[in-house]
């Protein structure tokens, strides 16, 4: 059974072309993963080897967050462990969230801005099939971006592990984050942007709307520094399950609210 028909694939490839031609969308789609998976990790590694760990402000408080299995690490190893497991997961989740939001916003809103939405709705494809093609196209492009970003990030982290004589960074937290949490965040972001596309009048407005999705992720990971809780694989699995349920609800409402009348308002 085919996931997409040839007509639906045409819509998907058309959306990919539209995203590529839009300078803002293209820049964000490349810049965010590049910053989060290469620039920041490499800068952190350089900083780690040039600044003594005892000169980092707040280091004593941060070291208290180390789990028992990391108690034997030296200063540089401890800092690397903390940043890799407390800070970088937050940065990494910005990639599926941002890329999915940008893809969906560009796919739905650009049709309005260019006045091609009416033409698309006059094709033999039903509104539901247009919605399906646009959503699956956004999910695919975001998933591809996230997978490539994860590979690049893993290479940088592997270099850091070798330089610091540490085990490979990939643990249960990262596995759950990549294989469970990232996919449901991708689907949630695409469906959320599709649901709000009927009310957005410009691509810029839709980009701004996607910014609200970043806040919960920042609060989740930064809240660890209060010492009240730690983000672990179990918590990430629970969050993944909740978001999966939210995805089903969003999908249910999005399909029913995605009508020609509302899109053409």
Protein backbone atom coordinates (compact mmCIF):
# COMPACT_ATOMS: atom_id res chain seq x y z
CA UNK A 1 0.00 0.00 0.00
CA UNK A 2 1.43 3.33 -1.07
CA UNK A 3 1.72 6.05 1.56
CA UNK A 4 1.42 8.77 -1.11
CA UNK A 5 -0.07 8.64 -4.57
CA UNK A 6 1.75 10.21 -7.52
CA UNK A 7 -0.51 13.28 -7.30
CA UNK A 8 0.23 13.68 -3.60
CA UNK A 9 3.96 13.30 -4.26
CA UNK A 10 3.68 16.15 -6.75
CA UNK A 11 2.31 18.36 -3.97
CA UNK A 12 5.14 17.28 -1.67
CA UNK A 13 7.86 18.07 -4.21
CA UNK A 14 6.18 21.38 -5.01
CA UNK A 15 6.31 22.27 -1.30
CA UNK A 16 9.99 21.31 -1.12
CA UNK A 17 10.67 23.64 -4.03
CA UNK A 18 8.71 26.46 -2.38
CA UNK A 19 10.66 26.04 0.86
CA UNK A 20 13.96 26.09 -1.03
CA UNK A 21 12.99 29.25 -2.91
CA UNK A 22 11.99 31.05 0.29
CA UNK A 23 15.18 32.62 1.65
CA UNK A 24 13.89 32.96 5.21
CA UNK A 25 12.70 29.36 5.45
CA UNK A 26 15.83 28.02 3.76
CA UNK A 27 18.12 30.03 6.04
CA UNK A 28 16.40 28.89 9.23
CA UNK A 29 16.26 25.30 8.04
CA UNK A 30 20.03 25.25 7.59
CA UNK A 31 21.17 27.75 10.22
CA UNK A 32 19.45 26.26 13.29
CA UNK A 33 20.83 22.69 12.83
CA UNK A 34 24.24 24.09 11.89
CA UNK A 35 24.39 26.19 15.06
CA UNK A 36 22.98 23.54 17.39
CA UNK A 37 24.96 20.53 16.16
CA UNK A 38 28.25 22.00 15.00
CA UNK A 39 28.98 25.59 16.03
CA UNK A 40 27.91 25.43 19.68
CA UNK A 41 29.37 21.95 20.44
CA UNK A 42 32.69 22.79 18.75
CA UNK A 43 32.85 26.15 20.53
CA UNK A 44 32.11 24.39 23.82
CA UNK A 45 34.93 21.88 23.26
CA UNK A 46 37.41 24.66 22.45
CA UNK A 47 36.31 26.59 25.51
CA UNK A 48 36.54 23.49 27.69
CA UNK A 49 40.21 22.96 26.83
CA UNK A 50 41.21 26.62 27.21
CA UNK A 51 39.32 27.68 30.34
CA UNK A 52 40.06 25.92 33.65
CA UNK A 53 36.91 24.36 35.05
CA UNK A 54 37.46 25.97 38.45
CA UNK A 55 37.20 29.40 36.83
CA UNK A 56 33.72 28.78 35.43
CA UNK A 57 31.15 30.72 37.43
CA UNK A 58 28.67 28.52 39.26
CA UNK A 59 30.66 25.35 38.64
CA UNK A 60 30.33 24.09 42.22
CA UNK A 61 26.55 24.33 42.02
CA UNK A 62 26.53 22.57 38.66
CA UNK A 63 28.69 19.71 39.92
CA UNK A 64 26.05 18.96 42.53
CA UNK A 65 23.77 17.90 39.68
CA UNK A 66 26.10 15.06 38.70
CA UNK A 67 24.54 11.59 39.11
CA UNK A 68 26.28 8.95 41.20
CA UNK A 69 27.75 7.16 38.17
CA UNK A 70 29.61 10.34 37.20
CA UNK A 71 31.08 11.05 40.63
CA UNK A 72 34.58 9.85 39.67
CA UNK A 73 34.97 12.24 36.71
CA UNK A 74 37.60 14.98 36.83
CA UNK A 75 36.84 18.67 36.31
CA UNK A 76 36.77 18.80 32.49
CA UNK A 77 35.00 15.46 32.22
CA UNK A 78 32.33 16.61 34.68
CA UNK A 79 31.65 19.80 32.74
CA UNK A 80 31.49 17.86 29.48
CA UNK A 81 29.09 15.33 31.01
CA UNK A 82 26.80 18.03 32.43
CA UNK A 83 26.59 20.09 29.27
CA UNK A 84 26.15 17.01 27.06
CA UNK A 85 23.28 15.66 29.16
CA UNK A 86 21.64 18.81 30.55
CA UNK A 87 22.11 21.54 27.96
CA UNK A 88 22.65 19.96 24.55
CA UNK A 89 19.43 17.89 24.62
CA UNK A 90 17.51 21.17 24.86
CA UNK A 91 19.45 22.59 21.91
CA UNK A 92 18.95 19.42 19.90
CA UNK A 93 15.17 19.41 20.35
CA UNK A 94 15.07 22.88 18.80
CA UNK A 95 15.95 21.19 15.49
CA UNK A 96 12.86 18.97 14.97
CA UNK A 97 10.64 21.65 16.47
CA UNK A 98 11.98 24.50 14.35
CA UNK A 99 12.41 22.56 11.12
CA UNK A 100 8.94 21.03 11.35
CA UNK A 101 7.35 24.40 12.12
CA UNK A 102 9.18 26.11 9.27
CA UNK A 103 8.31 23.37 6.78
CA UNK A 104 4.63 23.35 7.74
CA UNK A 105 4.35 27.14 7.87
CA UNK A 106 6.00 27.54 4.48
CA UNK A 107 3.90 24.75 2.99
CA UNK A 108 0.54 26.13 4.10
CA UNK A 109 1.04 29.90 4.34
CA UNK A 110 3.12 30.38 1.19
CA UNK A 111 0.18 29.08 -0.81
CA UNK A 112 -1.90 31.92 0.62
CA UNK A 113 0.72 34.59 0.07
CA UNK A 114 1.29 33.60 -3.56
CA UNK A 115 -2.39 33.16 -4.30
CA UNK A 116 -1.86 29.57 -5.47
CA UNK A 117 -4.04 27.98 -2.79
CA UNK A 118 -7.21 28.45 -4.83
CA UNK A 119 -5.57 26.75 -7.83
CA UNK A 120 -4.39 23.85 -5.68
CA UNK A 121 -7.88 23.33 -4.30
CA UNK A 122 -9.28 23.15 -7.84
CA UNK A 123 -7.10 20.15 -8.72
CA UNK A 124 -8.55 16.60 -8.67
CA UNK A 125 -7.03 16.15 -5.21
CA UNK A 126 -9.50 16.51 -2.37
CA UNK A 127 -8.80 18.93 0.48
CA UNK A 128 -8.04 16.01 2.78
CA UNK A 129 -5.48 14.58 0.37
CA UNK A 130 -3.82 17.98 0.00
CA UNK A 131 -3.64 18.17 3.80
CA UNK A 132 -2.17 14.66 3.98
CA UNK A 133 0.50 15.43 1.39
CA UNK A 134 1.54 18.69 3.03
CA UNK A 135 1.69 17.19 6.53
CA UNK A 136 3.65 14.10 5.49
CA UNK A 137 6.00 16.22 3.40
CA UNK A 138 6.74 18.49 6.36
CA UNK A 139 7.27 15.51 8.65
CA UNK A 140 9.64 13.83 6.19
CA UNK A 141 11.79 16.92 5.60
CA UNK A 142 11.98 17.66 9.31
CA UNK A 143 12.84 14.04 10.16
CA UNK A 144 15.59 14.05 7.54
CA UNK A 145 17.01 17.30 8.92
CA UNK A 146 16.91 15.91 12.46
CA UNK A 147 18.61 12.63 11.48
CA UNK A 148 21.45 14.38 9.65
CA UNK A 149 21.86 16.80 12.56
CA UNK A 150 22.02 13.92 15.03
CA UNK A 151 24.76 12.26 12.97
CA UNK A 152 26.84 15.47 12.86
CA UNK A 153 26.31 16.09 16.56
CA UNK A 154 27.36 12.51 17.39
CA UNK A 155 30.59 12.95 15.43
CA UNK A 156 31.46 16.11 17.40
CA UNK A 157 30.59 14.43 20.69
CA UNK A 158 32.64 11.35 19.77
CA UNK A 159 35.66 13.60 19.23
CA UNK A 160 35.08 15.15 22.65
CA UNK A 161 34.76 11.72 24.25
CA UNK A 162 38.06 10.62 22.70
CA UNK A 163 39.88 13.78 23.76
CA UNK A 164 38.60 13.45 27.32
CA UNK A 165 38.98 9.65 27.52
CA UNK A 166 35.27 9.20 28.24
CA UNK A 167 32.75 6.58 27.10
CA UNK A 168 30.63 7.42 24.06
CA UNK A 169 28.05 10.05 25.07
CA UNK A 170 25.01 8.11 23.78
CA UNK A 171 22.96 6.90 26.76
CA UNK A 172 19.33 5.96 27.41
CA UNK A 173 18.32 9.62 27.72
CA UNK A 174 19.64 10.41 24.26
CA UNK A 175 18.17 7.26 22.72
CA UNK A 176 14.70 8.06 24.04
CA UNK A 177 15.09 11.69 23.03
CA UNK A 178 16.04 10.84 19.45
CA UNK A 179 13.86 7.80 18.72
CA UNK A 180 10.73 8.75 20.70
CA UNK A 181 10.59 12.41 21.71
CA UNK A 182 11.95 13.97 18.51
CA UNK A 183 9.43 12.20 16.22
CA UNK A 184 6.39 13.15 18.31
CA UNK A 185 7.64 16.75 18.56
CA UNK A 186 8.01 16.80 14.79
CA UNK A 187 4.46 15.56 14.23
CA UNK A 188 3.09 17.92 16.90
CA UNK A 189 4.81 20.95 15.36
CA UNK A 190 3.61 20.17 11.83
CA UNK A 191 0.02 19.58 12.95
CA UNK A 192 0.04 22.64 15.21
CA UNK A 193 1.19 24.87 12.37
CA UNK A 194 -1.34 23.28 10.02
CA UNK A 195 -4.10 23.94 12.54
CA UNK A 196 -3.13 27.58 12.98
CA UNK A 197 -2.48 28.19 9.28
CA UNK A 198 -6.09 29.16 8.68
CA UNK A 199 -5.68 32.14 11.04
CA UNK A 200 -2.21 33.22 9.90
CA UNK A 201 -2.09 35.82 7.17
CA UNK A 202 1.65 35.82 6.48
CA UNK A 203 4.68 33.58 6.65
CA UNK A 204 6.32 35.92 9.17
CA UNK A 205 3.34 35.64 11.49
CA UNK A 206 3.41 31.86 11.31
CA UNK A 207 7.16 31.83 12.09
CA UNK A 208 6.49 33.95 15.16
CA UNK A 209 3.71 31.59 16.26
CA UNK A 210 6.11 28.65 16.14
CA UNK A 211 8.29 30.44 18.70
CA UNK A 212 5.73 29.66 21.40
CA UNK A 213 6.51 25.96 21.02
CA UNK A 214 10.10 26.53 22.12
CA UNK A 215 9.24 27.79 25.61
CA UNK A 216 8.10 24.45 27.16
CA UNK A 217 11.35 22.76 26.06
CA UNK A 218 13.47 25.53 27.55
CA UNK A 219 11.56 25.42 30.84
CA UNK A 220 11.79 21.61 31.02
CA UNK A 221 15.58 21.46 30.73
CA UNK A 222 16.47 24.69 32.53
CA UNK A 223 14.29 23.62 35.44
CA UNK A 224 16.87 20.94 36.24
CA UNK A 225 19.21 23.62 37.55
CA UNK A 226 16.79 24.32 40.40
CA UNK A 227 17.66 20.87 41.73
CA UNK A 228 13.99 19.89 42.04
CA UNK A 229 14.14 17.20 39.37
CA UNK A 230 16.31 15.67 36.67
CA UNK A 231 15.33 14.87 33.12
CA UNK A 232 15.91 11.14 32.60
CA UNK A 233 14.80 8.45 30.17
CA UNK A 234 11.66 7.64 32.18
CA UNK A 235 10.50 11.27 32.22
CA UNK A 236 11.24 11.63 28.51
CA UNK A 237 9.21 8.50 27.79
CA UNK A 238 6.26 9.92 29.73
CA UNK A 239 6.50 13.20 27.85
CA UNK A 240 6.73 11.30 24.57
CA UNK A 241 3.57 9.38 25.46
CA UNK A 242 1.70 12.57 26.35
CA UNK A 243 2.78 14.25 23.13
CA UNK A 244 1.80 11.16 21.15
CA UNK A 245 -1.70 11.43 22.59
CA UNK A 246 -1.68 15.16 21.79
CA UNK A 247 -0.64 14.32 18.21
CA UNK A 248 -3.66 12.06 17.83
CA UNK A 249 -5.97 14.79 19.13
CA UNK A 250 -4.40 17.43 16.89
CA UNK A 251 -4.64 15.13 13.89
CA UNK A 252 -8.31 14.48 14.60
CA UNK A 253 -9.18 18.18 14.79
CA UNK A 254 -6.83 19.31 12.02
CA UNK A 255 -8.31 16.95 9.44
CA UNK A 256 -11.82 18.15 10.25
CA UNK A 257 -10.95 21.84 10.43
CA UNK A 258 -8.85 21.83 7.27
CA UNK A 259 -11.56 22.93 4.87
CA UNK A 260 -11.50 25.08 1.76
CA UNK A 261 -13.79 27.66 3.35
CA UNK A 262 -11.51 28.28 6.31
CA UNK A 263 -8.34 28.29 4.26
CA UNK A 264 -9.66 30.89 1.83
CA UNK A 265 -10.75 33.37 4.49
